[in-house]
């Protein structure tokens, strides 16, 4: 691929430590550029057994050197409903004068045992009131709200409690008067909720809402196609509005559970329509990024445009966080010259 990207020479820019709740891992950063400052929202854990995750917030003047705005998380599992749980993968957007954070939630945290080879071996923990049955501990996605970026409160649920549904991402503005949401369910619930069916190749779905409470039936817009996407893909970062369309960074889960980043372009007026899609990964782990809590993973929950570059903060092996920049002209040239698609999926 012709896109010449640049990793920040100071990577990793955010590492574990400092506070008890972030001693083990800090990863999957959401990003916001607002009122002249850069903000990161980190998924952080103080330990692996149990693997309680929290959301911390950092700020920066230059987009490279970050400090925490608080010595405590800005969003916790208890704020979502369970002190025994885990809140994960913050994606933050500003719609008019309000900030929204979509996040993944498990009411009861796992015990996690890294293997050094791929996804850790994870086991349910018998917390008070929990049977230990996995079907009672599905990942659910919620929406939190803030008026100042720092103080958050849970607003509503975006997905059902009985369906494993994550990679839930709000568009940063309404389209045709509606909120729009990307999803990546591992099961599909029938419209009348009478049945739940597993999805063989999980992909990117989209739905809309008038009020963030009731959502339209989701529509599949992108399925795994390439080898690096393997058996599932999902949205990674909130869409960015550009003259060419809504730019969305995606992720694919390829052979040996290798996570890579990709990109798709959605129609500005009809986001159910995929205009273009990269055939090759935008970013994969290099030799310095392959060791960590989960090897061979690059993953992001936020991106932004600054000085004609797409800036993507990303996690390295689910352990620490770094930054990479892509020239916008090269990215769009690759998307529009090689990635155009005639139909969605």
Foldseek 3Di string as FASTA:
>chain_A
DPWDKFFDPPPPLWFADDAQQANFFWFFWAWDCPPQKIKIWTWGGNDQAQGATAIFMWIDNPVRHTDGPDSDGLGGLVLVPANQKHKDNWAWAAEDQKIKIKIKIWNHGWRFAFDFQFGTDTAGDDDVPDPRDVQQTAIFMFMWMDRPVRHIHTDATQDDNRWRKDLWAWARYDAPQKIKIKIWTQWAAPPVNPDIGGDFATEIWMWIDNPSYDIDRIDGFATDDAQQQDRYKHWAEHFDDDPQATKTKMWGQHPSRAIFIWIWGAHHNDRSWTFFTARDTPDWDDPVQQGGRGGGYWGHYYWDDDPQWIKTWIGRRRGTITIMIIRNVVVVCRGNVPTGDPGGD
